Amino acid sequence: MVKEAPTLARSAAKEVRQAGLVGTATGLAKSAIARAEPKARELYTRYEPVAERRAAEAWVALNRLPLVPSVTRAVLPTAAQLSAKYNSAVMDGAKRGNTVATYLPLVPTERLAKVFRYPMADAAPAPEMQPIPSQ
């Protein structure tokens, strides 16, 4: 690899001269995405269900804390509204041809609502919180 470095540097410099800086950066980015995408897709499909399940279990446990349900009820409508506005802005930008918008992820509001609304039936119950004894 070290012996190839000067050759790669000359090749990159030649490409910058021919295609320009923006063209070269675009080409390099597309090349990196093409190499990384299959592995990223595999990792996502393998770990996404596990992460979703763990998040739901953590949500069930958090909701047993005294203030979490009331804070959630106060914050959730605003968070849902902002998520919908964000999704709308990203989709509108992508429709208008904004390249950056095509790479931005959408907030999966329906899945979040489904996962975090209902406690999982087969989830192990979280331990009950006990008050700290006063001394």
N, C-alpha and C. Protein backbone atom coordinates (compact mmCIF):
# COMPACT_ATOMS: atom_id res chain seq x y z
N MET A 1 0.83 -1.19 0.00
CA MET A 1 0.00 0.00 0.00
C MET A 1 0.87 1.25 0.00
N VAL A 2 1.98 1.24 0.78
CA VAL A 2 2.85 2.41 0.86
C VAL A 2 3.48 2.69 -0.51
N LYS A 3 3.88 1.62 -1.22
CA LYS A 3 4.49 1.80 -2.53
C LYS A 3 3.47 2.35 -3.54
N GLU A 4 2.19 2.04 -3.31
CA GLU A 4 1.15 2.51 -4.22
C GLU A 4 0.75 3.96 -3.94
N ALA A 5 1.11 4.50 -2.78
CA ALA A 5 0.67 5.84 -2.38
C ALA A 5 1.09 6.91 -3.39
N PRO A 6 2.37 6.97 -3.84
CA PRO A 6 2.72 8.01 -4.81
C PRO A 6 1.93 7.87 -6.11
N THR A 7 1.67 6.65 -6.53
CA THR A 7 0.89 6.44 -7.75
C THR A 7 -0.54 6.92 -7.56
N LEU A 8 -1.12 6.59 -6.40
CA LEU A 8 -2.48 7.04 -6.11
C LEU A 8 -2.55 8.56 -6.00
N ALA A 9 -1.54 9.16 -5.39
CA ALA A 9 -1.52 10.62 -5.26
C ALA A 9 -1.42 11.27 -6.63
N ARG A 10 -0.56 10.75 -7.49
CA ARG A 10 -0.46 11.31 -8.84
C ARG A 10 -1.77 11.15 -9.60
N SER A 11 -2.40 9.98 -9.43
CA SER A 11 -3.67 9.72 -10.10
C SER A 11 -4.74 10.70 -9.62
N ALA A 12 -4.79 10.92 -8.29
CA ALA A 12 -5.78 11.85 -7.73
C ALA A 12 -5.50 13.27 -8.20
N ALA A 13 -4.22 13.66 -8.24
CA ALA A 13 -3.87 15.01 -8.69
C ALA A 13 -4.25 15.20 -10.16
N LYS A 14 -4.01 14.18 -10.98
CA LYS A 14 -4.38 14.26 -12.40
C LYS A 14 -5.89 14.41 -12.55
N GLU A 15 -6.65 13.64 -11.73
CA GLU A 15 -8.11 13.72 -11.80
C GLU A 15 -8.61 15.09 -11.37
N VAL A 16 -7.97 15.69 -10.36
CA VAL A 16 -8.37 17.02 -9.91
C VAL A 16 -8.15 18.03 -11.03
N ARG A 17 -7.02 17.90 -11.72
CA ARG A 17 -6.75 18.82 -12.83
C ARG A 17 -7.76 18.65 -13.96
N GLN A 18 -8.14 17.40 -14.25
CA GLN A 18 -9.03 17.14 -15.37
C GLN A 18 -10.50 17.45 -15.04
N ALA A 19 -10.97 16.94 -13.91
CA ALA A 19 -12.40 17.05 -13.59
C ALA A 19 -12.71 18.23 -12.68
N GLY A 20 -11.70 18.81 -12.09
CA GLY A 20 -11.94 19.89 -11.15
C GLY A 20 -12.16 19.32 -9.75
N LEU A 21 -12.06 20.18 -8.77
CA LEU A 21 -12.15 19.75 -7.38
C LEU A 21 -13.52 19.18 -7.04
N VAL A 22 -14.57 19.84 -7.47
CA VAL A 22 -15.93 19.37 -7.15
C VAL A 22 -16.20 18.03 -7.81
N GLY A 23 -15.83 17.90 -9.06
CA GLY A 23 -16.03 16.64 -9.76
C GLY A 23 -15.27 15.50 -9.12
N THR A 24 -14.04 15.77 -8.71
CA THR A 24 -13.24 14.74 -8.05
C THR A 24 -13.84 14.36 -6.71
N ALA A 25 -14.24 15.35 -5.92
CA ALA A 25 -14.84 15.06 -4.62
C ALA A 25 -16.12 14.26 -4.79
N THR A 26 -16.91 14.60 -5.79
CA THR A 26 -18.15 13.87 -6.05
C THR A 26 -17.85 12.43 -6.44
N GLY A 27 -16.87 12.25 -7.29
CA GLY A 27 -16.49 10.90 -7.70
C GLY A 27 -15.98 10.07 -6.55
N LEU A 28 -15.13 10.67 -5.72
CA LEU A 28 -14.61 9.95 -4.56
C LEU A 28 -15.72 9.59 -3.58
N ALA A 29 -16.65 10.51 -3.37
CA ALA A 29 -17.77 10.24 -2.45
C ALA A 29 -18.65 9.12 -2.98
N LYS A 30 -18.95 9.15 -4.27
CA LYS A 30 -19.77 8.08 -4.86
C LYS A 30 -19.06 6.74 -4.77
N SER A 31 -17.76 6.75 -4.97
CA SER A 31 -16.98 5.51 -4.87
C SER A 31 -17.01 4.96 -3.44
N ALA A 32 -16.85 5.84 -2.46
CA ALA A 32 -16.88 5.41 -1.06
C ALA A 32 -18.25 4.86 -0.68
N ILE A 33 -19.30 5.52 -1.15
CA ILE A 33 -20.66 5.06 -0.86
C ILE A 33 -20.90 3.70 -1.48
N ALA A 34 -20.44 3.52 -2.71
CA ALA A 34 -20.65 2.24 -3.39
C ALA A 34 -19.95 1.10 -2.67
N ARG A 35 -18.78 1.39 -2.08
CA ARG A 35 -18.06 0.34 -1.35
C ARG A 35 -18.68 0.06 0.01
N ALA A 36 -19.17 1.09 0.68
CA ALA A 36 -19.67 0.93 2.05
C ALA A 36 -21.13 0.49 2.12
N GLU A 37 -21.91 0.77 1.09
CA GLU A 37 -23.35 0.52 1.16
C GLU A 37 -23.73 -0.93 1.39
N PRO A 38 -23.14 -1.92 0.71
CA PRO A 38 -23.56 -3.30 0.97
C PRO A 38 -23.32 -3.75 2.42
N LYS A 39 -22.18 -3.39 2.98
CA LYS A 39 -21.88 -3.78 4.36
C LYS A 39 -22.81 -3.05 5.33
N ALA A 40 -23.05 -1.77 5.07
CA ALA A 40 -23.96 -1.01 5.94
C ALA A 40 -25.36 -1.59 5.90
N ARG A 41 -25.81 -1.99 4.71
CA ARG A 41 -27.15 -2.57 4.57
C ARG A 41 -27.23 -3.89 5.35
N GLU A 42 -26.18 -4.70 5.26
CA GLU A 42 -26.17 -5.98 5.99
C GLU A 42 -26.21 -5.75 7.50
N LEU A 43 -25.39 -4.82 7.99
CA LEU A 43 -25.37 -4.53 9.43
C LEU A 43 -26.70 -3.98 9.89
N TYR A 44 -27.30 -3.12 9.08
CA TYR A 44 -28.59 -2.54 9.45
C TYR A 44 -29.66 -3.62 9.57
N THR A 45 -29.73 -4.50 8.59
CA THR A 45 -30.78 -5.53 8.64
C THR A 45 -30.54 -6.52 9.77
N ARG A 46 -29.29 -6.70 10.15
CA ARG A 46 -29.00 -7.63 11.25
C ARG A 46 -29.31 -7.02 12.61
N TYR A 47 -28.93 -5.77 12.82
CA TYR A 47 -29.01 -5.19 14.16
C TYR A 47 -30.21 -4.30 14.40
N GLU A 48 -30.89 -3.87 13.36
CA GLU A 48 -32.04 -2.98 13.53
C GLU A 48 -33.15 -3.58 14.38
N PRO A 49 -33.56 -4.84 14.16
CA PRO A 49 -34.61 -5.40 15.02
C PRO A 49 -34.18 -5.52 16.48
N VAL A 50 -32.91 -5.83 16.70
CA VAL A 50 -32.40 -5.95 18.07
C VAL A 50 -32.42 -4.58 18.74
N ALA A 51 -31.96 -3.56 18.03
CA ALA A 51 -31.96 -2.21 18.60
C ALA A 51 -33.38 -1.72 18.89
N GLU A 52 -34.30 -2.04 18.00
CA GLU A 52 -35.69 -1.63 18.19
C GLU A 52 -36.28 -2.29 19.44
N ARG A 53 -36.00 -3.56 19.61
CA ARG A 53 -36.51 -4.29 20.78
C ARG A 53 -35.92 -3.73 22.07
N ARG A 54 -34.62 -3.49 22.06
CA ARG A 54 -33.96 -2.94 23.27
C ARG A 54 -34.51 -1.55 23.59
N ALA A 55 -34.75 -0.75 22.58
CA ALA A 55 -35.31 0.58 22.82
C ALA A 55 -36.69 0.49 23.44
N ALA A 56 -37.50 -0.45 22.95
CA ALA A 56 -38.85 -0.62 23.52
C ALA A 56 -38.76 -1.10 24.97
N GLU A 57 -37.84 -2.01 25.24
CA GLU A 57 -37.68 -2.50 26.63
C GLU A 57 -37.22 -1.37 27.54
N ALA A 58 -36.30 -0.54 27.06
CA ALA A 58 -35.83 0.60 27.86
C ALA A 58 -36.97 1.59 28.10
N TRP A 59 -37.82 1.77 27.09
CA TRP A 59 -38.96 2.68 27.22
C TRP A 59 -39.92 2.19 28.30
N VAL A 60 -40.18 0.89 28.32
CA VAL A 60 -41.07 0.32 29.34
C VAL A 60 -40.49 0.56 30.72
N ALA A 61 -39.18 0.34 30.86
CA ALA A 61 -38.53 0.54 32.16
C ALA A 61 -38.55 2.02 32.56
N LEU A 62 -38.28 2.90 31.62
CA LEU A 62 -38.27 4.34 31.92
C LEU A 62 -39.65 4.83 32.35
N ASN A 63 -40.68 4.29 31.75
CA ASN A 63 -42.03 4.75 32.08
C ASN A 63 -42.44 4.38 33.50
N ARG A 64 -41.67 3.58 34.16
CA ARG A 64 -41.97 3.25 35.56
C ARG A 64 -41.40 4.28 36.52
N LEU A 65 -40.55 5.15 36.02
CA LEU A 65 -40.02 6.22 36.87
C LEU A 65 -41.12 7.26 37.06
N PRO A 66 -41.14 7.92 38.21
CA PRO A 66 -42.27 8.78 38.54
C PRO A 66 -42.56 9.92 37.57
N LEU A 67 -41.57 10.65 37.09
CA LEU A 67 -41.84 11.83 36.28
C LEU A 67 -41.89 11.58 34.78
N VAL A 68 -41.40 10.45 34.33
CA VAL A 68 -41.27 10.21 32.88
C VAL A 68 -42.62 10.26 32.16
N PRO A 69 -43.66 9.58 32.63
CA PRO A 69 -44.93 9.65 31.88
C PRO A 69 -45.49 11.07 31.74
N SER A 70 -45.40 11.86 32.79
CA SER A 70 -45.95 13.23 32.70
C SER A 70 -45.10 14.11 31.79
N VAL A 71 -43.78 13.96 31.83
CA VAL A 71 -42.91 14.72 30.93
C VAL A 71 -43.17 14.30 29.49
N THR A 72 -43.33 13.01 29.28
CA THR A 72 -43.60 12.49 27.94
C THR A 72 -44.88 13.07 27.38
N ARG A 73 -45.93 13.09 28.19
CA ARG A 73 -47.21 13.64 27.73
C ARG A 73 -47.07 15.13 27.38
N ALA A 74 -46.19 15.83 28.08
CA ALA A 74 -46.02 17.27 27.81
C ALA A 74 -45.18 17.51 26.56
N VAL A 75 -44.18 16.67 26.31
CA VAL A 75 -43.22 16.90 25.23
C VAL A 75 -43.63 16.22 23.93
N LEU A 76 -44.32 15.11 24.02
CA LEU A 76 -44.61 14.30 22.84
C LEU A 76 -45.35 15.03 21.71
N PRO A 77 -46.37 15.82 21.97
CA PRO A 77 -47.05 16.50 20.86
C PRO A 77 -46.11 17.43 20.07
N THR A 78 -45.26 18.17 20.77
CA THR A 78 -44.32 19.05 20.10
C THR A 78 -43.30 18.26 19.30
N ALA A 79 -42.79 17.18 19.88
CA ALA A 79 -41.81 16.35 19.18
C ALA A 79 -42.42 15.73 17.93
N ALA A 80 -43.66 15.28 18.01
CA ALA A 80 -44.32 14.70 16.85
C ALA A 80 -44.53 15.74 15.76
N GLN A 81 -44.92 16.95 16.15
CA GLN A 81 -45.14 18.02 15.18
C GLN A 81 -43.83 18.41 14.50
N LEU A 82 -42.75 18.54 15.26
CA LEU A 82 -41.45 18.91 14.69
C LEU A 82 -40.93 17.80 13.77
N SER A 83 -41.15 16.54 14.15
CA SER A 83 -40.72 15.43 13.31
C SER A 83 -41.47 15.44 11.98
N ALA A 84 -42.75 15.72 12.02
CA ALA A 84 -43.55 15.79 10.80
C ALA A 84 -43.07 16.94 9.91
N LYS A 85 -42.77 18.09 10.50
CA LYS A 85 -42.26 19.23 9.72
C LYS A 85 -40.91 18.89 9.10
N TYR A 86 -40.03 18.25 9.87
CA TYR A 86 -38.72 17.84 9.35
C TYR A 86 -38.88 16.89 8.17
N ASN A 87 -39.71 15.85 8.34
CA ASN A 87 -39.94 14.89 7.25
C ASN A 87 -40.47 15.59 6.02
N SER A 88 -41.41 16.50 6.20
CA SER A 88 -41.99 17.23 5.08
C SER A 88 -40.93 18.07 4.37
N ALA A 89 -40.09 18.75 5.14
CA ALA A 89 -39.04 19.59 4.54
C ALA A 89 -38.03 18.74 3.77
N VAL A 90 -37.66 17.59 4.31
CA VAL A 90 -36.70 16.72 3.63
C VAL A 90 -37.31 16.18 2.33
N MET A 91 -38.56 15.74 2.38
CA MET A 91 -39.21 15.20 1.17
C MET A 91 -39.39 16.29 0.11
N ASP A 92 -39.77 17.50 0.54
CA ASP A 92 -39.91 18.60 -0.42
C ASP A 92 -38.57 18.95 -1.05
N GLY A 93 -37.53 18.99 -0.24
CA GLY A 93 -36.20 19.28 -0.77
C GLY A 93 -35.73 18.23 -1.76
N ALA A 94 -36.00 16.97 -1.46
CA ALA A 94 -35.61 15.89 -2.37
C ALA A 94 -36.40 15.98 -3.68
N LYS A 95 -37.68 16.34 -3.59
CA LYS A 95 -38.50 16.47 -4.81
C LYS A 95 -38.00 17.61 -5.70
N ARG A 96 -37.47 18.66 -5.06
CA ARG A 96 -36.96 19.80 -5.82
C ARG A 96 -35.55 19.55 -6.36
N GLY A 97 -34.97 18.39 -6.03
CA GLY A 97 -33.65 18.05 -6.56
C GLY A 97 -32.50 18.44 -5.67
N ASN A 98 -32.75 18.78 -4.42
CA ASN A 98 -31.68 19.11 -3.49
C ASN A 98 -30.91 17.84 -3.17
N THR A 99 -29.64 17.78 -3.55
CA THR A 99 -28.83 16.58 -3.38
C THR A 99 -28.67 16.22 -1.91
N VAL A 100 -28.44 17.20 -1.06
CA VAL A 100 -28.25 16.92 0.37
C VAL A 100 -29.51 16.30 0.96
N ALA A 101 -30.66 16.78 0.56
CA ALA A 101 -31.93 16.27 1.11
C ALA A 101 -32.13 14.80 0.77
N THR A 102 -31.59 14.35 -0.35
CA THR A 102 -31.76 12.94 -0.71
C THR A 102 -30.99 12.02 0.23
N TYR A 103 -29.98 12.54 0.92
CA TYR A 103 -29.20 11.73 1.85
C TYR A 103 -29.69 11.82 3.29
N LEU A 104 -30.55 12.77 3.59
CA LEU A 104 -31.04 12.93 4.96
C LEU A 104 -32.07 11.85 5.27
N PRO A 105 -31.97 11.24 6.45
CA PRO A 105 -32.96 10.22 6.81
C PRO A 105 -34.26 10.86 7.26
N LEU A 106 -35.35 10.13 7.07
CA LEU A 106 -36.64 10.56 7.58
C LEU A 106 -36.83 9.99 8.98
N VAL A 107 -37.57 10.68 9.81
CA VAL A 107 -37.90 10.18 11.14
C VAL A 107 -39.05 9.19 10.97
N PRO A 108 -38.86 7.94 11.39
CA PRO A 108 -39.92 6.93 11.21
C PRO A 108 -41.01 7.09 12.25
N THR A 109 -41.85 8.10 12.09
CA THR A 109 -42.82 8.46 13.11
C THR A 109 -43.83 7.33 13.38
N GLU A 110 -44.26 6.64 12.34
CA GLU A 110 -45.24 5.56 12.55
C GLU A 110 -44.62 4.42 13.36
N ARG A 111 -43.39 4.05 13.02
CA ARG A 111 -42.74 2.96 13.76
C ARG A 111 -42.46 3.36 15.20
N LEU A 112 -42.03 4.61 15.39
CA LEU A 112 -41.78 5.07 16.75
C LEU A 112 -43.06 5.03 17.57
N ALA A 113 -44.14 5.47 16.99
CA ALA A 113 -45.42 5.45 17.71
C ALA A 113 -45.80 4.02 18.06
N LYS A 114 -45.60 3.10 17.14
CA LYS A 114 -45.97 1.71 17.38
C LYS A 114 -45.10 1.09 18.47
N VAL A 115 -43.81 1.31 18.39
CA VAL A 115 -42.88 0.69 19.33
C VAL A 115 -43.04 1.26 20.73
N PHE A 116 -43.17 2.57 20.83
CA PHE A 116 -43.14 3.19 22.15
C PHE A 116 -44.51 3.42 22.78
N ARG A 117 -45.57 3.14 22.06
CA ARG A 117 -46.90 3.36 22.62
C ARG A 117 -47.30 2.22 23.55
N TYR A 118 -47.05 0.99 23.15
CA TYR A 118 -47.55 -0.16 23.90
C TYR A 118 -46.41 -0.93 24.54
N PRO A 119 -46.57 -1.35 25.81
CA PRO A 119 -45.57 -2.21 26.41
C PRO A 119 -45.55 -3.55 25.69
N MET A 120 -44.39 -4.11 25.58
CA MET A 120 -44.26 -5.39 24.90
C MET A 120 -44.81 -6.50 25.79
N ALA A 121 -45.61 -7.36 25.22
CA ALA A 121 -46.28 -8.41 25.99
C ALA A 121 -45.29 -9.41 26.55
N ASP A 122 -44.26 -9.75 25.79
CA ASP A 122 -43.33 -10.77 26.24
C ASP A 122 -42.06 -10.19 26.86
N ALA A 123 -42.03 -8.89 27.08
CA ALA A 123 -40.85 -8.28 27.68
C ALA A 123 -40.81 -8.60 29.17
N ALA A 124 -39.62 -8.84 29.65
CA ALA A 124 -39.47 -9.10 31.08
C ALA A 124 -39.78 -7.82 31.84
N PRO A 125 -40.54 -7.93 32.91
CA PRO A 125 -40.89 -6.71 33.64
C PRO A 125 -39.65 -6.08 34.27
N ALA A 126 -39.60 -4.77 34.24
CA ALA A 126 -38.50 -4.06 34.86
C ALA A 126 -38.69 -4.12 36.37
N PRO A 127 -37.60 -4.11 37.11
CA PRO A 127 -37.74 -4.16 38.56
C PRO A 127 -38.44 -2.92 39.07
N GLU A 128 -39.25 -3.11 40.10
CA GLU A 128 -39.97 -1.99 40.70
C GLU A 128 -38.99 -1.07 41.41
N MET A 129 -39.24 0.22 41.32
CA MET A 129 -38.38 1.20 41.97
C MET A 129 -38.77 1.26 43.45
N GLN A 130 -37.78 1.26 44.30
CA GLN A 130 -37.99 1.36 45.73
C GLN A 130 -37.43 2.68 46.22
N PRO A 131 -38.11 3.34 47.17
CA PRO A 131 -37.57 4.59 47.69
C PRO A 131 -36.29 4.34 48.47
N ILE A 132 -35.42 5.32 48.45
CA ILE A 132 -34.16 5.22 49.20
C ILE A 132 -34.49 5.45 50.67
N PRO A 133 -34.11 4.52 51.51
CA PRO A 133 -34.42 4.69 52.95
C PRO A 133 -33.68 5.90 53.53
N SER A 134 -34.39 6.67 54.32
CA SER A 134 -33.75 7.81 54.97
C SER A 134 -33.02 7.34 56.21
N GLN A 135 -31.95 8.02 56.55
CA GLN A 135 -31.14 7.60 57.70
C GLN A 135 -31.41 8.39 58.91
